[in-house]
Amino acid sequence: MQFPSLRKNVTGTITAGNQYLSLPNDYLSTFSIAIINSTTGAYSYLLNKDVNFIREAFPIPSATGTPTHYALFGSQYSYPTALSVILGPTPDQSYSTELHYFYYPTSIVQGIITIIAVNSIGSNYIPGLYVNVPFSYYSTSGNQSGTGGYGDVLVGANGTIVSVTLQNGGNFYQSGDLLTVNTSYLGGSSTASGFNFSVSSVNNSNGMSWLGDNFDPVLLYGSMREAMIFMKGEADMVKYYEDKYQEALQLAIRLGNGMERGDAYRDGQTKLNTNLRGNVVL
């Protein structure tokens, strides 16, 4: 279901001589890409093709012009979670661009760590790379509900922390939480101390989501269905929640693929055939 409510608009710049355009981290699929004329402000929408078409139609990357086509190119090597598009032809100058796209909805899981910052590199840790080590709270004050976060910690030759790479953001953390990694996971030195880092930002800090706010039956019955299967519930109960989930999905499809894509002026008001002719009791 491609809800119009789950679309975003962003603007950016296509650079002269650069055939590639990076897409936002929450990109899911394209609704439209346009370049904007710097003089008139007119929009020119690019046509979506595949990479083979771009390579064949515009075989010489150094041959430049006003882009007319694009293709989803894939992830970037340096940042594999981000996608990019390839343009044809290669831009002959810098252009303003507008991307209208469907985005990944905010996770319903509250307090997933997204960014961390090292405050103190500590001392006397045993050098090495420690992979997937769990995070713990540095002090007993403040929020203590976060759990499940872990990452990779690199300790330098001098026994101080070089870097912390987040691998899993866990849940129920809050911005400002002060975290560390127990020394037992970092070589077990009895004199190591001082290393800590803070949570700079989290995803969905208040536990709210578009689905929960606007179409909670899908979320409720989908969760109940999964829970019943996980608990090996009776087949009739699994079927009950499956049926309720499918009913909720049909209503969501009616909204996303129907009602949000029309209006009374173009489509007329909704009229139902009551089929009561000859059976009306006055």
Protein backbone atom coordinates (compact mmCIF):
# COMPACT_ATOMS: atom_id res chain seq x y z
CA MET A 1 0.00 0.00 0.00
CA GLN A 2 1.54 3.25 -1.12
CA PHE A 3 -0.15 5.79 1.13
CA PRO A 4 0.17 9.36 -0.18
CA SER A 5 0.64 10.22 3.50
CA LEU A 6 3.98 8.41 3.40
CA ARG A 7 5.55 10.59 0.71
CA LYS A 8 8.19 13.26 1.16
CA ASN A 9 9.51 16.13 -0.92
CA VAL A 10 13.20 17.08 -0.79
CA THR A 11 15.29 19.44 -2.87
CA GLY A 12 18.94 19.15 -3.77
CA THR A 13 21.52 19.90 -6.41
CA ILE A 14 22.73 17.94 -9.43
CA THR A 15 26.40 18.75 -9.91
CA ALA A 16 27.98 19.50 -13.27
CA GLY A 17 29.93 16.50 -14.57
CA ASN A 18 28.56 14.15 -11.91
CA GLN A 19 26.34 11.44 -13.38
CA TYR A 20 25.08 10.25 -9.99
CA LEU A 21 22.58 11.65 -7.50
CA SER A 22 22.47 10.37 -3.93
CA LEU A 23 19.07 9.49 -2.46
CA PRO A 24 17.88 10.10 1.13
CA ASN A 25 18.61 7.44 3.73
CA ASP A 26 14.89 6.74 4.24
CA TYR A 27 14.22 6.39 0.49
CA LEU A 28 11.85 3.55 -0.44
CA SER A 29 10.69 4.28 -4.00
CA THR A 30 10.46 7.19 -6.41
CA PHE A 31 7.31 9.14 -7.11
CA SER A 32 9.02 11.72 -9.33
CA ILE A 33 12.35 13.45 -9.99
CA ALA A 34 12.46 16.89 -11.61
CA ILE A 35 15.16 19.41 -12.44
CA ILE A 36 14.32 23.08 -12.04
CA ASN A 37 15.27 25.76 -14.56
CA SER A 38 17.30 28.36 -12.66
CA THR A 39 15.97 31.21 -14.82
CA THR A 40 12.26 30.47 -15.21
CA GLY A 41 11.69 28.07 -12.31
CA ALA A 42 10.05 25.59 -14.71
CA TYR A 43 10.05 21.92 -13.74
CA SER A 44 11.28 19.24 -16.17
CA TYR A 45 10.44 15.72 -15.02
CA LEU A 46 12.96 12.98 -15.74
CA LEU A 47 11.84 9.70 -17.31
CA ASN A 48 12.53 6.51 -15.38
CA LYS A 49 14.51 3.85 -17.26
CA ASP A 50 16.86 1.02 -16.32
CA VAL A 51 20.63 1.27 -16.12
CA ASN A 52 21.10 -0.57 -19.43
CA PHE A 53 19.07 2.09 -21.22
CA ILE A 54 21.14 4.90 -19.69
CA ARG A 55 24.41 3.20 -20.64
CA GLU A 56 23.30 2.56 -24.22
CA ALA A 57 21.49 5.84 -24.88
CA PHE A 58 24.26 7.94 -23.29
CA PRO A 59 27.36 5.75 -23.78
CA ILE A 60 29.95 8.51 -23.25
CA PRO A 61 29.85 9.79 -19.64
CA SER A 62 31.91 12.85 -20.61
CA ALA A 63 29.25 13.93 -23.14
CA THR A 64 27.11 16.33 -21.15
CA GLY A 65 23.71 17.94 -21.52
CA THR A 66 20.47 18.60 -19.67
CA PRO A 67 19.44 15.35 -17.92
CA THR A 68 16.26 13.79 -19.32
CA HIS A 69 16.34 10.26 -17.88
CA TYR A 70 17.33 8.48 -14.69
CA ALA A 71 17.69 4.93 -13.40
CA LEU A 72 18.01 3.47 -9.92
CA PHE A 73 21.70 2.64 -9.77
CA GLY A 74 22.08 0.88 -6.42
CA SER A 75 23.90 1.49 -3.17
CA GLN A 76 27.07 3.46 -2.77
CA TYR A 77 30.20 1.51 -1.93
CA SER A 78 31.20 3.92 0.81
CA TYR A 79 27.71 3.93 2.33
CA PRO A 80 25.92 0.69 1.42
CA THR A 81 22.63 1.60 3.08
CA ALA A 82 22.12 4.60 0.78
CA LEU A 83 20.92 4.35 -2.81
CA SER A 84 21.70 6.55 -5.79
CA VAL A 85 20.38 7.19 -9.30
CA ILE A 86 22.34 7.50 -12.53
CA LEU A 87 21.43 10.37 -14.85
CA GLY A 88 21.42 10.58 -18.62
CA PRO A 89 23.05 12.53 -20.03
CA THR A 90 25.69 13.63 -17.55
CA PRO A 91 24.72 17.14 -16.33
CA ASP A 92 26.39 19.96 -18.22
CA GLN A 93 25.92 22.33 -15.30
CA SER A 94 24.54 22.35 -11.78
CA TYR A 95 20.76 22.07 -11.53
CA SER A 96 18.37 22.34 -8.63
CA THR A 97 16.35 19.14 -8.33
CA GLU A 98 13.23 18.05 -6.51
CA LEU A 99 12.66 14.45 -5.44
CA HIS A 100 9.19 13.29 -4.48
CA TYR A 101 9.46 9.84 -2.91
CA PHE A 102 7.90 7.21 -0.69
CA TYR A 103 9.88 6.81 2.51
CA TYR A 104 10.34 4.05 5.07
CA PRO A 105 7.87 4.84 7.87
CA THR A 106 9.27 5.49 11.33
CA SER A 107 9.76 2.23 13.19
CA ILE A 108 7.17 1.45 15.85
CA VAL A 109 10.06 0.48 18.14
CA GLN A 110 10.76 3.35 20.52
CA GLY A 111 14.20 4.75 21.33
CA ILE A 112 16.45 3.06 18.75
CA ILE A 113 19.91 4.64 18.90
CA THR A 114 20.85 6.29 15.60
CA ILE A 115 23.90 8.42 16.48
CA ILE A 116 26.47 8.16 19.28
CA ALA A 117 29.36 10.41 20.30
CA VAL A 118 32.42 9.38 22.34
CA ASN A 119 32.94 11.64 25.36
CA SER A 120 35.95 10.00 27.00
CA ILE A 121 38.45 7.59 25.44
CA GLY A 122 39.43 6.13 28.81
CA SER A 123 42.75 4.42 29.55
CA ASN A 124 44.46 1.06 30.16
CA TYR A 125 42.18 -0.97 27.87
CA ILE A 126 43.72 -3.93 26.03
CA PRO A 127 44.33 -3.08 22.34
CA GLY A 128 42.20 -4.81 19.71
CA LEU A 129 38.94 -4.75 17.83
CA TYR A 130 36.00 -6.00 19.88
CA VAL A 131 32.97 -6.89 17.77
CA ASN A 132 29.30 -6.74 18.76
CA VAL A 133 29.93 -5.86 22.40
CA PRO A 134 26.83 -4.88 24.42
CA PHE A 135 26.30 -1.37 25.72
CA SER A 136 25.60 -0.66 29.37
CA TYR A 137 24.86 2.50 31.32
CA TYR A 138 27.88 4.45 32.57
CA SER A 139 26.14 5.69 35.71
CA THR A 140 23.00 4.88 37.67
CA SER A 141 21.43 8.32 37.24
CA GLY A 142 18.89 9.26 34.58
CA ASN A 143 17.13 6.93 32.18
CA GLN A 144 17.97 3.25 32.65
CA SER A 145 15.36 1.61 30.44
CA GLY A 146 17.41 1.29 27.23
CA THR A 147 18.46 -2.21 26.27
CA GLY A 148 19.76 -4.27 23.38
CA GLY A 149 22.28 -1.81 21.92
CA TYR A 150 25.65 -3.10 20.81
CA GLY A 151 28.53 -2.18 18.52
CA ASP A 152 32.19 -2.58 17.59
CA VAL A 153 34.88 -0.95 19.75
CA LEU A 154 38.43 -0.36 18.52
CA VAL A 155 41.09 0.07 21.20
CA GLY A 156 44.39 1.62 20.11
CA ALA A 157 47.91 0.55 20.96
CA ASN A 158 48.04 3.07 23.82
CA GLY A 159 45.01 1.52 25.53
CA THR A 160 42.52 4.26 24.68
CA ILE A 161 39.35 4.00 22.63
CA VAL A 162 39.82 4.84 18.95
CA SER A 163 36.26 4.43 17.73
CA VAL A 164 32.82 3.00 18.48
CA THR A 165 30.74 1.75 15.55
CA LEU A 166 27.03 1.29 16.20
CA GLN A 167 25.70 -2.07 14.98
CA ASN A 168 22.33 -2.34 16.72
CA GLY A 169 20.41 0.55 18.27
CA GLY A 170 18.40 -1.54 20.72
CA ASN A 171 15.29 0.15 22.10
CA PHE A 172 13.97 2.50 24.79
CA TYR A 173 17.10 4.66 24.87
CA GLN A 174 16.84 8.43 25.16
CA SER A 175 18.95 11.24 23.74
CA GLY A 176 21.60 12.15 26.30
CA ASP A 177 21.93 8.65 27.81
CA LEU A 178 25.51 8.06 28.97
CA LEU A 179 26.74 4.60 27.98
CA THR A 180 29.88 2.48 28.15
CA VAL A 181 31.03 -1.11 27.58
CA ASN A 182 31.96 -3.34 30.49
CA THR A 183 35.71 -3.99 30.65
CA SER A 184 35.04 -7.74 30.57
CA TYR A 185 34.09 -7.33 26.90
CA LEU A 186 37.19 -5.24 26.13
CA GLY A 187 39.96 -7.60 27.16
CA GLY A 188 39.20 -7.74 30.87
CA SER A 189 41.88 -5.33 32.13
CA SER A 190 41.39 -4.67 35.84
CA THR A 191 42.79 -1.15 35.57
CA ALA A 192 40.82 -0.02 32.51
CA SER A 193 38.37 2.83 33.15
CA GLY A 194 36.91 6.07 31.94
CA PHE A 195 35.53 5.12 28.53
CA ASN A 196 32.01 6.45 27.91
CA PHE A 197 29.88 7.77 25.09
CA SER A 198 26.54 9.48 24.81
CA VAL A 199 23.43 8.89 22.74
CA SER A 200 23.15 11.86 20.38
CA SER A 201 19.82 10.90 18.81
CA VAL A 202 17.25 8.14 18.75
CA ASN A 203 14.57 7.04 16.33
CA ASN A 204 10.97 7.52 17.46
CA SER A 205 11.62 9.00 20.88
CA ASN A 206 7.93 9.00 21.88
CA GLY A 207 6.91 5.58 20.54
CA MET A 208 4.46 7.02 18.01
CA SER A 209 4.14 5.97 14.37
CA TRP A 210 1.95 6.83 11.39
CA LEU A 211 0.36 3.40 11.46
CA GLY A 212 -0.35 3.52 15.18
CA ASP A 213 -1.80 7.02 14.97
CA ASN A 214 -3.83 6.61 11.79
CA PHE A 215 -4.61 2.94 11.20
CA ASP A 216 -4.08 1.06 14.45
CA PRO A 217 -6.25 -2.02 13.57
CA VAL A 218 -3.56 -3.14 11.10
CA LEU A 219 -0.90 -2.79 13.77
CA LEU A 220 -3.03 -4.42 16.49
CA TYR A 221 -4.23 -7.46 14.57
CA GLY A 222 -0.91 -7.94 12.78
CA SER A 223 0.84 -8.01 16.17
CA MET A 224 -1.76 -10.36 17.65
CA ARG A 225 -1.42 -12.71 14.69
CA GLU A 226 2.36 -12.86 15.05
CA ALA A 227 2.10 -13.29 18.83
CA MET A 228 -0.39 -16.14 18.48
CA ILE A 229 1.88 -17.94 16.01
CA PHE A 230 4.92 -17.35 18.25
CA MET A 231 3.10 -18.79 21.28
CA LYS A 232 1.91 -21.78 19.21
CA GLY A 233 -1.69 -20.84 19.86
CA GLU A 234 -4.71 -22.83 18.73
CA ALA A 235 -5.25 -22.93 14.97
CA ASP A 236 -8.69 -21.34 15.25
CA MET A 237 -7.25 -18.38 17.18
CA VAL A 238 -4.47 -17.94 14.63
CA LYS A 239 -7.12 -17.96 11.89
CA TYR A 240 -9.27 -15.49 13.81
CA TYR A 241 -6.48 -12.93 14.07
CA GLU A 242 -5.39 -13.62 10.50
CA ASP A 243 -8.94 -12.87 9.30
CA LYS A 244 -9.13 -9.70 11.39
CA TYR A 245 -5.74 -8.62 10.07
CA GLN A 246 -6.86 -9.16 6.47
CA GLU A 247 -10.04 -7.17 7.13
CA ALA A 248 -7.96 -4.28 8.50
CA LEU A 249 -5.64 -4.50 5.50
CA GLN A 250 -8.55 -4.22 3.09
CA LEU A 251 -9.72 -1.05 4.83
CA ALA A 252 -6.18 0.32 4.65
CA ILE A 253 -5.99 -0.52 0.94
CA ARG A 254 -9.31 1.28 0.46
CA LEU A 255 -7.79 4.34 2.09
CA GLY A 256 -4.31 4.30 0.55
CA ASN A 257 -5.13 3.11 -2.96
CA GLY A 258 -8.56 4.72 -3.22
CA MET A 259 -9.83 7.48 -0.98
CA GLU A 260 -6.52 9.34 -0.67
CA ARG A 261 -6.13 9.42 -4.46
CA GLY A 262 -9.37 11.15 -5.42
CA ASP A 263 -11.77 13.90 -4.52
CA ALA A 264 -15.48 14.62 -4.86
CA TYR A 265 -14.93 17.14 -7.68
CA ARG A 266 -13.17 14.70 -10.00
CA ASP A 267 -14.60 11.38 -8.87
CA GLY A 268 -18.00 12.31 -7.46
CA GLN A 269 -19.23 11.52 -4.01
CA THR A 270 -19.31 7.93 -2.84
CA LYS A 271 -22.69 6.38 -3.57
CA LEU A 272 -23.72 2.90 -2.45
CA ASN A 273 -26.41 0.86 -4.13
CA THR A 274 -28.89 0.12 -1.33
CA ASN A 275 -30.98 -2.24 -3.48
CA LEU A 276 -34.13 -1.56 -1.45
CA ARG A 277 -36.58 -0.93 -4.29
CA GLY A 278 -39.92 -2.55 -3.50
CA ASN A 279 -38.92 -3.36 0.05
CA VAL A 280 -39.17 0.03 1.69
CA VAL A 281 -41.47 0.17 4.70
CA LEU A 282 -42.90 3.62 5.47
